């Protein structure tokens, strides 16, 4: 091979870029990780957004997929300062009648909260949890013939259903609402095919590992990954936003933790016409409007489970959630948006001054929206926690356009790296044997615009680096 400055260069230091860089470096290559901002992390950043002493997660906050990630589980991240905190209640879902459904790690405890649906919930989730070790790499990876086809088929038969259809297995509003809140993470109408996939993965992750939050903020995950990468001999450079291939040092392989839009801008001249056409047709989805609060006390939820949950899904019954997500998908701003809320300071006292608290929340909005949804989000929280507004000391907000300005991978405020409907679930970003290869030799994409999509799990980066190791460096790897 021609001598190059590095064996591999990874562009972008989100969890997928970090995962890719680590796997390459683990195999004795010389790897440079480059980041446009002055600090690493992508969606893994924490800052004092409101008042001094209040630490807020700028993007991602709660990390069920980080704890469930087959690749991250192999890394000694605790030795590099990562400490996960596990709330006893992973997620709670309040209703107007004052009741709440709750996701506990034991399936039996969750099922018990669902009354008449106790048996139906166990029948749905127990096989998925039991089979997870055998199917995890297939679920969190590209479309391939599975090693355990019958177990994967059982998961797939449920996962490919619309969440509104799968909810037909249940009778109670609590079970239907719990499923709907999980499905709404997919950022598309929950009446769409395959909208159940995200719900089942999140529920399984809760039962297997809980929904943890990193002590000190999400930035600690990035710091731990970077610390381990550097300990292996890797190099990180920050403060240079890559807009062209000419900015990069020479390398045998370049992996981009960016979405198709940026990839076309940087390297489009290297690609075949059909591959460029495929990337140009890639679809981005709904955006988010986000609020961070500094609070004078904990959120006074009516339902007790919500006062002890790391995450709270605010949307009431399944019909209300389905209507809200459909309206947003159609370009409207619902009066009662589905709100995802996290309460990190209840479990991590490093997040706020003594006796004070933080809270983190967002709702879905139309792509690229600049509408201020603060009042609608706060009204939704107040609805299930009377007195909440009186505890607000300060707030920080970001509309969808500002979310993209903060992180260019969040096109139009889409934090998932592109729509994850049936048309793009496994074929993202293009229909190819390997979704991580581009049409240009030595250039790969490793962002959440590849399978398995959004979330802090690093599996997109892992699979992309694995492909590069095999193609360029002739290093075959066994699957995790």
Protein backbone atom coordinates (compact mmCIF):
# COMPACT_ATOMS: atom_id res chain seq x y z
CA UNK A 1 0.00 0.00 0.00
CA UNK A 2 1.00 3.62 -0.53
CA UNK A 3 2.26 5.22 2.69
CA UNK A 4 -0.32 7.53 4.27
CA UNK A 5 -0.43 9.89 7.25
CA UNK A 6 -2.85 7.57 9.04
CA UNK A 7 -4.34 4.16 8.42
CA UNK A 8 -7.81 5.57 9.07
CA UNK A 9 -9.47 8.91 9.76
CA UNK A 10 -12.86 9.19 11.46
CA UNK A 11 -14.81 12.43 10.96
CA UNK A 12 -17.18 13.27 13.82
CA UNK A 13 -16.90 12.39 17.50
CA UNK A 14 -20.43 11.33 18.35
CA UNK A 15 -20.90 7.88 19.90
CA UNK A 16 -20.71 6.21 16.49
CA UNK A 17 -17.56 8.03 15.45
CA UNK A 18 -15.95 7.18 18.78
CA UNK A 19 -17.00 3.53 18.49
CA UNK A 20 -15.59 3.28 14.97
CA UNK A 21 -12.31 4.88 15.99
CA UNK A 22 -11.95 2.55 18.97
CA UNK A 23 -12.53 -0.63 16.97
CA UNK A 24 -10.01 0.43 14.33
CA UNK A 25 -7.44 1.40 16.95
CA UNK A 26 -7.98 -1.89 18.81
CA UNK A 27 -6.65 -3.67 15.73
CA UNK A 28 -3.31 -1.89 15.73
CA UNK A 29 -4.09 0.79 13.16
CA UNK A 30 -3.08 4.44 13.41
CA UNK A 31 -6.34 6.38 13.72
CA UNK A 32 -7.16 10.09 13.77
CA UNK A 33 -10.55 11.23 15.07
CA UNK A 34 -11.44 14.75 13.96
CA UNK A 35 -14.24 16.91 15.39
CA UNK A 36 -15.62 20.23 14.16
CA UNK A 37 -16.47 21.65 17.57
CA UNK A 38 -13.96 22.53 20.26
CA UNK A 39 -15.19 19.62 22.39
CA UNK A 40 -15.97 16.02 21.50
CA UNK A 41 -19.25 14.20 21.92
CA UNK A 42 -21.80 14.96 19.20
CA UNK A 43 -25.09 14.37 21.03
CA UNK A 44 -23.16 13.57 24.22
CA UNK A 45 -22.58 17.00 25.72
CA UNK A 46 -23.48 18.63 29.04
CA UNK A 47 -23.43 22.34 29.86
CA UNK A 48 -24.68 24.92 32.36
CA UNK A 49 -27.50 26.13 30.13
CA UNK A 50 -29.66 27.93 32.69
CA UNK A 51 -28.04 29.03 35.96
CA UNK A 52 -24.59 28.46 37.50
CA UNK A 53 -24.33 25.04 39.10
CA UNK A 54 -27.15 23.45 37.05
CA UNK A 55 -25.75 20.82 34.64
CA UNK A 56 -28.00 20.04 31.67
CA UNK A 57 -27.63 17.45 28.93
CA UNK A 58 -27.70 19.42 25.70
CA UNK A 59 -28.95 16.53 23.56
CA UNK A 60 -29.27 12.94 24.80
CA UNK A 61 -29.93 12.31 28.49
CA UNK A 62 -31.06 8.78 29.40
CA UNK A 63 -29.18 5.84 27.89
CA UNK A 64 -30.93 2.47 27.76
CA UNK A 65 -29.17 1.57 24.51
CA UNK A 66 -25.74 2.51 25.83
CA UNK A 67 -26.21 -0.02 28.62
CA UNK A 68 -27.57 -2.59 26.15
CA UNK A 69 -24.97 -2.02 23.42
CA UNK A 70 -23.14 -5.26 22.56
CA UNK A 71 -20.01 -3.26 21.65
CA UNK A 72 -19.94 -0.82 24.57
CA UNK A 73 -20.31 -3.78 26.93
CA UNK A 74 -16.91 -5.03 25.77
CA UNK A 75 -15.14 -1.75 26.67
CA UNK A 76 -13.62 -0.88 30.07
CA UNK A 77 -15.40 2.46 30.28
CA UNK A 78 -15.71 2.38 34.07
CA UNK A 79 -11.91 2.63 34.26
CA UNK A 80 -12.18 5.91 32.36
CA UNK A 81 -14.65 7.55 34.71
CA UNK A 82 -18.05 6.39 33.44
CA UNK A 83 -20.51 5.63 36.22
CA UNK A 84 -24.09 4.79 35.34
CA UNK A 85 -26.92 5.48 37.78
CA UNK A 86 -29.98 3.25 37.52
CA UNK A 87 -33.33 4.65 38.69
CA UNK A 88 -35.53 1.95 40.25
CA UNK A 89 -38.28 3.00 37.85
CA UNK A 90 -36.83 3.37 34.36
CA UNK A 91 -39.84 5.17 32.91
CA UNK A 92 -43.32 6.15 34.03
CA UNK A 93 -46.39 7.09 32.03
CA UNK A 94 -49.07 9.17 33.82
CA UNK A 95 -52.77 9.37 32.97
CA UNK A 96 -55.43 11.98 33.62
CA UNK A 97 -57.03 9.81 36.30
CA UNK A 98 -53.92 10.10 38.48
CA UNK A 99 -52.69 6.59 37.75
CA UNK A 100 -49.45 5.69 35.97
CA UNK A 101 -47.90 2.74 34.21
CA UNK A 102 -44.26 2.09 35.04
CA UNK A 103 -41.31 0.27 33.51
CA UNK A 104 -39.38 -1.63 36.18
CA UNK A 105 -36.43 -3.89 35.42
CA UNK A 106 -38.24 -7.07 36.54
CA UNK A 107 -40.91 -7.95 33.97
CA UNK A 108 -43.16 -9.20 36.77
CA UNK A 109 -43.13 -5.79 38.48
CA UNK A 110 -44.02 -3.96 35.26
CA UNK A 111 -46.70 -6.47 34.36
CA UNK A 112 -48.22 -6.17 37.83
CA UNK A 113 -48.88 -2.44 37.28
CA UNK A 114 -50.94 -3.24 34.18
CA UNK A 115 -53.83 -4.97 35.93
CA UNK A 116 -55.85 -7.10 33.54
CA UNK A 117 -52.97 -7.00 31.03
CA UNK A 118 -50.44 -8.57 33.38
CA UNK A 119 -50.47 -11.87 31.51
CA UNK A 120 -50.57 -10.30 28.04
CA UNK A 121 -47.55 -8.13 28.80
CA UNK A 122 -45.52 -11.06 30.08
CA UNK A 123 -46.49 -13.12 27.03
CA UNK A 124 -45.26 -10.32 24.73
CA UNK A 125 -42.04 -9.33 26.50
CA UNK A 126 -40.70 -12.46 28.21
CA UNK A 127 -39.68 -14.24 24.97
CA UNK A 128 -38.00 -11.07 23.64
CA UNK A 129 -36.02 -10.62 26.86
CA UNK A 130 -35.11 -14.33 26.97
CA UNK A 131 -33.99 -14.28 23.32
CA UNK A 132 -32.22 -10.91 23.41
CA UNK A 133 -28.65 -12.29 23.74
CA UNK A 134 -29.23 -14.33 20.59
CA UNK A 135 -30.86 -11.56 18.52
CA UNK A 136 -29.26 -8.34 19.81
CA UNK A 137 -26.60 -8.08 17.10
CA UNK A 138 -29.20 -8.65 14.37
CA UNK A 139 -31.65 -6.13 15.86
CA UNK A 140 -28.85 -3.58 16.31
CA UNK A 141 -27.24 -4.11 12.92
CA UNK A 142 -27.69 -4.37 9.15
CA UNK A 143 -30.20 -6.64 7.49
CA UNK A 144 -28.64 -10.11 7.32
CA UNK A 145 -29.83 -13.69 7.59
CA UNK A 146 -29.95 -14.18 11.36
CA UNK A 147 -27.98 -16.77 13.29
CA UNK A 148 -31.16 -17.66 15.17
CA UNK A 149 -33.90 -17.28 12.55
CA UNK A 150 -36.82 -18.56 14.64
CA UNK A 151 -36.03 -16.28 17.57
CA UNK A 152 -35.53 -13.33 15.24
CA UNK A 153 -38.76 -14.12 13.41
CA UNK A 154 -40.70 -14.07 16.67
CA UNK A 155 -39.33 -10.61 17.43
CA UNK A 156 -39.90 -9.42 13.87
CA UNK A 157 -43.55 -10.48 13.75
CA UNK A 158 -44.27 -8.10 16.61
CA UNK A 159 -41.73 -5.39 15.74
CA UNK A 160 -42.93 -4.88 12.17
CA UNK A 161 -46.49 -4.13 13.28
CA UNK A 162 -47.79 -0.60 13.78
CA UNK A 163 -47.82 0.17 17.50
CA UNK A 164 -51.53 0.92 17.24
CA UNK A 165 -52.04 -2.63 15.96
CA UNK A 166 -49.77 -4.29 18.50
CA UNK A 167 -51.62 -2.46 21.27
CA UNK A 168 -54.63 -4.60 20.36
CA UNK A 169 -53.07 -7.34 22.48
CA UNK A 170 -53.95 -5.24 25.52
CA UNK A 171 -57.21 -4.23 27.16
CA UNK A 172 -56.20 -1.54 29.65
CA UNK A 173 -55.38 2.13 28.95
CA UNK A 174 -52.24 1.66 31.06
CA UNK A 175 -50.72 -1.06 28.87
CA UNK A 176 -51.76 0.63 25.63
CA UNK A 177 -50.36 3.97 26.82
CA UNK A 178 -47.07 2.46 27.99
CA UNK A 179 -46.54 0.86 24.57
CA UNK A 180 -47.53 4.06 22.74
CA UNK A 181 -45.10 6.19 24.73
CA UNK A 182 -42.26 3.82 23.90
CA UNK A 183 -43.23 3.71 20.22
CA UNK A 184 -43.34 7.52 19.98
CA UNK A 185 -39.54 7.53 20.31
CA UNK A 186 -39.47 6.44 16.65
CA UNK A 187 -40.41 9.97 15.52
CA UNK A 188 -43.12 8.94 13.08
CA UNK A 189 -46.84 8.15 13.37
CA UNK A 190 -47.24 5.17 15.66
CA UNK A 191 -49.78 3.86 13.16
CA UNK A 192 -46.93 3.28 10.68
CA UNK A 193 -45.61 -0.25 10.06
CA UNK A 194 -42.54 -1.10 12.17
CA UNK A 195 -43.27 1.62 14.73
CA UNK A 196 -43.42 -1.17 17.32
CA UNK A 197 -39.73 -1.99 16.80
CA UNK A 198 -38.41 0.91 18.87
CA UNK A 199 -40.98 0.25 21.59
CA UNK A 200 -39.98 -3.38 21.99
CA UNK A 201 -36.25 -2.61 21.97
CA UNK A 202 -36.67 0.08 24.66
CA UNK A 203 -38.86 -2.15 26.81
CA UNK A 204 -36.43 -5.06 26.48
CA UNK A 205 -33.50 -2.79 27.30
CA UNK A 206 -35.31 -1.65 30.43
CA UNK A 207 -35.91 -5.21 31.58
CA UNK A 208 -32.38 -6.35 30.80
CA UNK A 209 -30.27 -3.40 31.88
CA UNK A 210 -32.52 -0.58 33.09
CA UNK A 211 -32.49 2.96 31.69
CA UNK A 212 -29.38 4.52 33.22
CA UNK A 213 -28.08 8.05 33.28
CA UNK A 214 -24.36 8.87 33.49
CA UNK A 215 -23.23 10.53 36.70
CA UNK A 216 -22.17 14.11 35.97
CA UNK A 217 -23.90 14.31 32.58
CA UNK A 218 -23.97 12.62 29.19
CA UNK A 219 -20.61 14.20 28.38
CA UNK A 220 -19.08 11.57 30.66
CA UNK A 221 -19.88 8.83 28.12
CA UNK A 222 -17.95 10.72 25.44
CA UNK A 223 -15.07 11.40 27.83
CA UNK A 224 -14.83 7.72 28.77
CA UNK A 225 -14.90 6.56 25.14
CA UNK A 226 -12.31 9.16 24.17
CA UNK A 227 -10.12 8.32 27.15
CA UNK A 228 -10.07 4.66 26.19
CA UNK A 229 -9.37 5.50 22.53
CA UNK A 230 -6.41 7.70 23.49
CA UNK A 231 -5.10 5.00 25.86
CA UNK A 232 -4.88 2.69 22.84
CA UNK A 233 -2.76 5.23 20.97
CA UNK A 234 -5.51 7.07 19.08
CA UNK A 235 -5.32 10.79 18.29
CA UNK A 236 -8.11 13.38 18.53
CA UNK A 237 -8.18 16.80 16.88
CA UNK A 238 -10.98 19.31 17.54
CA UNK A 239 -11.99 22.68 16.17
CA UNK A 240 -11.88 21.88 12.43
CA UNK A 241 -15.19 21.49 10.62
CA UNK A 242 -14.64 19.27 7.59
CA UNK A 243 -16.24 20.56 4.39
CA UNK A 244 -14.06 18.82 1.80
CA UNK A 245 -11.83 15.78 1.43
CA UNK A 246 -8.91 18.14 0.84
CA UNK A 247 -8.94 19.14 4.52
CA UNK A 248 -8.15 15.61 5.64
CA UNK A 249 -4.72 14.01 5.98
CA UNK A 250 -4.07 11.02 3.75
CA UNK A 251 -5.50 7.70 4.94
CA UNK A 252 -6.36 4.28 3.58
CA UNK A 253 -9.91 4.55 4.98
CA UNK A 254 -12.10 7.49 5.97
CA UNK A 255 -15.23 6.95 8.04
CA UNK A 256 -17.81 9.73 8.28
CA UNK A 257 -20.06 10.13 11.30
CA UNK A 258 -22.31 12.47 9.30
CA UNK A 259 -25.65 12.20 7.50
CA UNK A 260 -26.03 11.80 3.72
CA UNK A 261 -26.45 15.54 3.16
CA UNK A 262 -23.03 16.39 4.61
CA UNK A 263 -21.45 13.32 3.04
CA UNK A 264 -22.54 14.53 -0.40
CA UNK A 265 -21.10 17.98 0.28
CA UNK A 266 -17.75 16.59 1.43
CA UNK A 267 -17.18 13.62 -0.87
CA UNK A 268 -19.97 13.62 -3.45
CA UNK A 269 -17.54 14.17 -6.31
CA UNK A 270 -16.02 10.74 -5.52
CA UNK A 271 -19.32 8.84 -5.78
CA UNK A 272 -21.08 7.11 -8.65
CA UNK A 273 -24.15 8.79 -10.10
CA UNK A 274 -26.52 6.12 -8.77
CA UNK A 275 -25.10 6.33 -5.25
CA UNK A 276 -25.37 10.13 -5.28
CA UNK A 277 -28.96 9.77 -6.49
CA UNK A 278 -29.74 7.42 -3.61
CA UNK A 279 -28.24 9.76 -1.03
CA UNK A 280 -30.11 12.73 -2.49
CA UNK A 281 -33.38 10.83 -2.01
CA UNK A 282 -32.66 10.11 1.66
CA UNK A 283 -35.49 11.37 3.86
CA UNK A 284 -35.21 13.29 7.12
CA UNK A 285 -38.03 13.31 9.63
CA UNK A 286 -39.62 15.35 12.36
CA UNK A 287 -37.60 17.70 14.50
CA UNK A 288 -37.63 18.40 18.22
CA UNK A 289 -38.23 21.41 20.43
CA UNK A 290 -36.26 21.10 23.66
CA UNK A 291 -36.53 22.76 27.07
CA UNK A 292 -34.18 22.58 30.05
CA UNK A 293 -35.30 23.86 33.43
CA UNK A 294 -33.60 24.92 36.63
CA UNK A 295 -36.13 24.12 39.36
CA UNK A 296 -36.66 25.12 42.98
CA UNK A 297 -37.67 21.55 43.82
CA UNK A 298 -38.63 18.21 42.26
CA UNK A 299 -41.50 18.08 39.79
CA UNK A 300 -44.69 17.47 41.87
CA UNK A 301 -46.22 14.72 39.75
CA UNK A 302 -49.57 13.45 41.00
CA UNK A 303 -48.71 9.82 40.31
CA UNK A 304 -46.17 8.45 42.77
CA UNK A 305 -44.33 6.36 40.17
CA UNK A 306 -43.53 9.52 38.19
CA UNK A 307 -41.83 11.09 41.20
CA UNK A 308 -39.34 8.20 41.26
CA UNK A 309 -38.77 7.64 37.52
CA UNK A 310 -35.74 8.69 35.52
CA UNK A 311 -37.91 9.24 32.44
CA UNK A 312 -41.55 10.29 32.20
CA UNK A 313 -43.62 9.95 29.01
CA UNK A 314 -46.29 12.64 29.02
CA UNK A 315 -49.10 12.00 26.58
CA UNK A 316 -51.98 10.29 28.40
CA UNK A 317 -53.84 7.63 26.39
CA UNK A 318 -52.75 5.94 23.18
CA UNK A 319 -55.29 7.80 21.05
CA UNK A 320 -53.94 11.17 22.20
CA UNK A 321 -50.35 10.16 21.52
CA UNK A 322 -51.23 8.74 18.11
CA UNK A 323 -53.07 11.94 17.16
CA UNK A 324 -50.22 14.18 18.36
CA UNK A 325 -47.54 12.31 16.43
CA UNK A 326 -49.68 12.14 13.28
CA UNK A 327 -50.36 15.89 13.40
CA UNK A 328 -46.66 16.62 13.76
CA UNK A 329 -45.81 14.27 10.87
CA UNK A 330 -48.31 16.22 8.75
CA UNK A 331 -46.64 19.55 9.52
CA UNK A 332 -48.83 20.75 12.38
CA UNK A 333 -47.95 21.81 15.94
CA UNK A 334 -50.29 19.93 18.31
CA UNK A 335 -51.80 21.76 21.28
CA UNK A 336 -51.06 18.74 23.47
CA UNK A 337 -47.74 17.36 22.21
CA UNK A 338 -46.27 14.09 23.41
CA UNK A 339 -43.45 15.10 25.79
CA UNK A 340 -40.39 13.06 26.75
CA UNK A 341 -39.07 14.26 30.11
CA UNK A 342 -36.02 13.30 32.18
CA UNK A 343 -35.33 14.01 35.85
CA UNK A 344 -31.60 13.40 36.21
CA UNK A 345 -31.07 15.42 39.40
CA UNK A 346 -33.44 13.16 41.37
CA UNK A 347 -30.73 10.50 41.17
CA UNK A 348 -27.54 12.50 40.56
CA UNK A 349 -26.96 15.31 43.03
CA UNK A 350 -24.04 16.61 40.97
CA UNK A 351 -26.52 18.07 38.48
CA UNK A 352 -27.88 20.91 40.67
CA UNK A 353 -27.15 22.87 43.87
CA UNK A 354 -28.31 21.23 47.10
CA UNK A 355 -32.09 21.16 47.35
CA UNK A 356 -32.55 22.30 43.73
CA UNK A 357 -33.24 20.28 40.60
CA UNK A 358 -33.01 20.14 36.83
CA UNK A 359 -35.39 18.72 34.26
CA UNK A 360 -34.98 18.02 30.55
CA UNK A 361 -37.77 17.62 28.01
CA UNK A 362 -38.62 17.76 24.35
CA UNK A 363 -41.55 17.29 22.02
CA UNK A 364 -41.65 16.49 18.34
CA UNK A 365 -42.30 19.30 15.87
CA UNK A 366 -42.45 19.53 12.07
CA UNK A 367 -39.12 19.34 10.26
CA UNK A 368 -37.20 22.62 10.54
CA UNK A 369 -39.78 24.25 12.81
CA UNK A 370 -38.99 27.57 14.49
CA UNK A 371 -42.20 27.58 16.57
CA UNK A 372 -41.77 28.17 20.31
CA UNK A 373 -43.41 25.20 22.06
CA UNK A 374 -42.43 26.19 25.61
CA UNK A 375 -45.95 26.97 26.80
CA UNK A 376 -47.43 23.81 25.31
CA UNK A 377 -44.74 21.61 26.85
CA UNK A 378 -45.07 23.27 30.25
CA UNK A 379 -48.85 22.98 30.10
CA UNK A 380 -48.49 19.26 29.49
CA UNK A 381 -46.20 18.86 32.49
CA UNK A 382 -48.47 21.00 34.68
CA UNK A 383 -51.40 18.81 33.62
CA UNK A 384 -49.86 15.82 35.40
CA UNK A 385 -47.89 17.79 38.01
CA UNK A 386 -49.95 20.73 39.35
CA UNK A 387 -47.61 23.36 40.75
CA UNK A 388 -44.76 22.56 38.36
CA UNK A 389 -44.67 26.03 36.82
CA UNK A 390 -44.24 27.63 40.24
CA UNK A 391 -40.95 25.75 40.68
CA UNK A 392 -39.30 27.06 37.51
CA UNK A 393 -36.32 29.29 38.27
CA UNK A 394 -34.95 29.52 34.71
CA UNK A 395 -35.26 27.79 31.37
CA UNK A 396 -33.29 27.29 28.19
CA UNK A 397 -34.97 26.40 24.90
CA UNK A 398 -33.94 25.23 21.45
CA UNK A 399 -36.28 25.06 18.46
CA UNK A 400 -35.68 22.56 15.65
CA UNK A 401 -33.65 25.01 13.58
CA UNK A 402 -31.45 25.82 16.59
CA UNK A 403 -30.98 22.12 17.29
CA UNK A 404 -29.58 21.70 13.75
CA UNK A 405 -27.38 24.76 14.17
CA UNK A 406 -25.95 23.20 17.33
CA UNK A 407 -25.34 19.80 15.71
CA UNK A 408 -25.33 19.73 11.88
CA UNK A 409 -26.18 16.00 11.94
CA UNK A 410 -29.64 16.92 13.27
CA UNK A 411 -31.03 18.00 9.91
CA UNK A 412 -34.21 20.01 10.49
CA UNK A 413 -34.01 19.06 14.16
CA UNK A 414 -34.20 15.33 13.34
CA UNK A 415 -32.17 13.77 16.17
CA UNK A 416 -32.50 10.27 14.68
CA UNK A 417 -30.38 10.82 11.58
CA UNK A 418 -33.30 10.31 9.20
CA UNK A 419 -36.72 8.69 9.04
CA UNK A 420 -36.82 5.13 10.41
CA UNK A 421 -40.00 3.97 8.70
CA UNK A 422 -40.17 0.64 6.89
CA UNK A 423 -38.65 2.20 3.77
CA UNK A 424 -35.49 3.30 5.60
CA UNK A 425 -35.26 0.97 8.59
CA UNK A 426 -32.70 -1.40 7.05
CA UNK A 427 -31.85 0.34 3.75
CA UNK A 428 -30.50 3.53 5.31
CA UNK A 429 -28.86 5.46 3.73
CA UNK A 430 -29.04 3.52 0.44
CA UNK A 431 -30.02 0.09 -0.83
CA UNK A 432 -26.69 -1.73 -0.87
CA UNK A 433 -25.26 -5.06 0.28
CA UNK A 434 -23.34 -3.11 2.90
CA UNK A 435 -25.03 0.14 3.97
CA UNK A 436 -21.72 1.37 5.43
CA UNK A 437 -19.75 1.28 2.16
CA UNK A 438 -20.07 4.18 -0.24
CA UNK A 439 -19.44 3.76 -3.96
CA UNK A 440 -15.91 5.12 -3.48
CA UNK A 441 -13.26 2.70 -2.24
CA UNK A 442 -12.03 3.57 1.23
CA UNK A 443 -14.89 5.93 2.10
CA UNK A 444 -17.50 4.77 4.63
CA UNK A 445 -20.45 6.23 6.51
CA UNK A 446 -20.82 5.34 10.20
CA UNK A 447 -23.54 7.67 11.50
CA UNK A 448 -27.08 7.00 12.74
CA UNK A 449 -28.11 7.30 9.09
CA UNK A 450 -26.99 3.66 8.85
CA UNK A 451 -28.48 0.62 10.66
CA UNK A 452 -29.56 0.34 13.38
CA UNK A 453 -30.27 4.09 13.46
CA UNK A 454 -30.50 6.61 16.26
CA UNK A 455 -29.56 6.16 19.89
CA UNK A 456 -26.35 6.14 21.93
CA UNK A 457 -25.20 2.57 21.24
CA UNK A 458 -22.21 2.96 18.92
CA UNK A 459 -23.36 0.05 16.77
CA UNK A 460 -23.45 2.04 13.53
CA UNK A 461 -19.81 2.94 14.08
CA UNK A 462 -18.92 -0.60 15.11
CA UNK A 463 -20.43 -2.17 11.99
CA UNK A 464 -18.91 0.45 9.67
CA UNK A 465 -15.43 0.01 11.15
CA UNK A 466 -15.83 -3.74 10.93
CA UNK A 467 -16.59 -3.38 7.21
CA UNK A 468 -13.52 -1.20 6.68
CA UNK A 469 -11.29 -3.64 8.56
CA UNK A 470 -12.41 -6.43 6.27
CA UNK A 471 -12.33 -4.45 2.99
CA UNK A 472 -9.20 -2.33 3.34
CA UNK A 473 -7.06 -4.06 5.93
CA UNK A 474 -8.02 -7.70 5.31
CA UNK A 475 -8.87 -8.24 8.96
CA UNK A 476 -11.99 -10.44 9.24
CA UNK A 477 -13.88 -10.21 12.53
CA UNK A 478 -16.36 -12.48 14.19
CA UNK A 479 -19.66 -10.87 15.11
CA UNK A 480 -20.21 -9.86 18.72
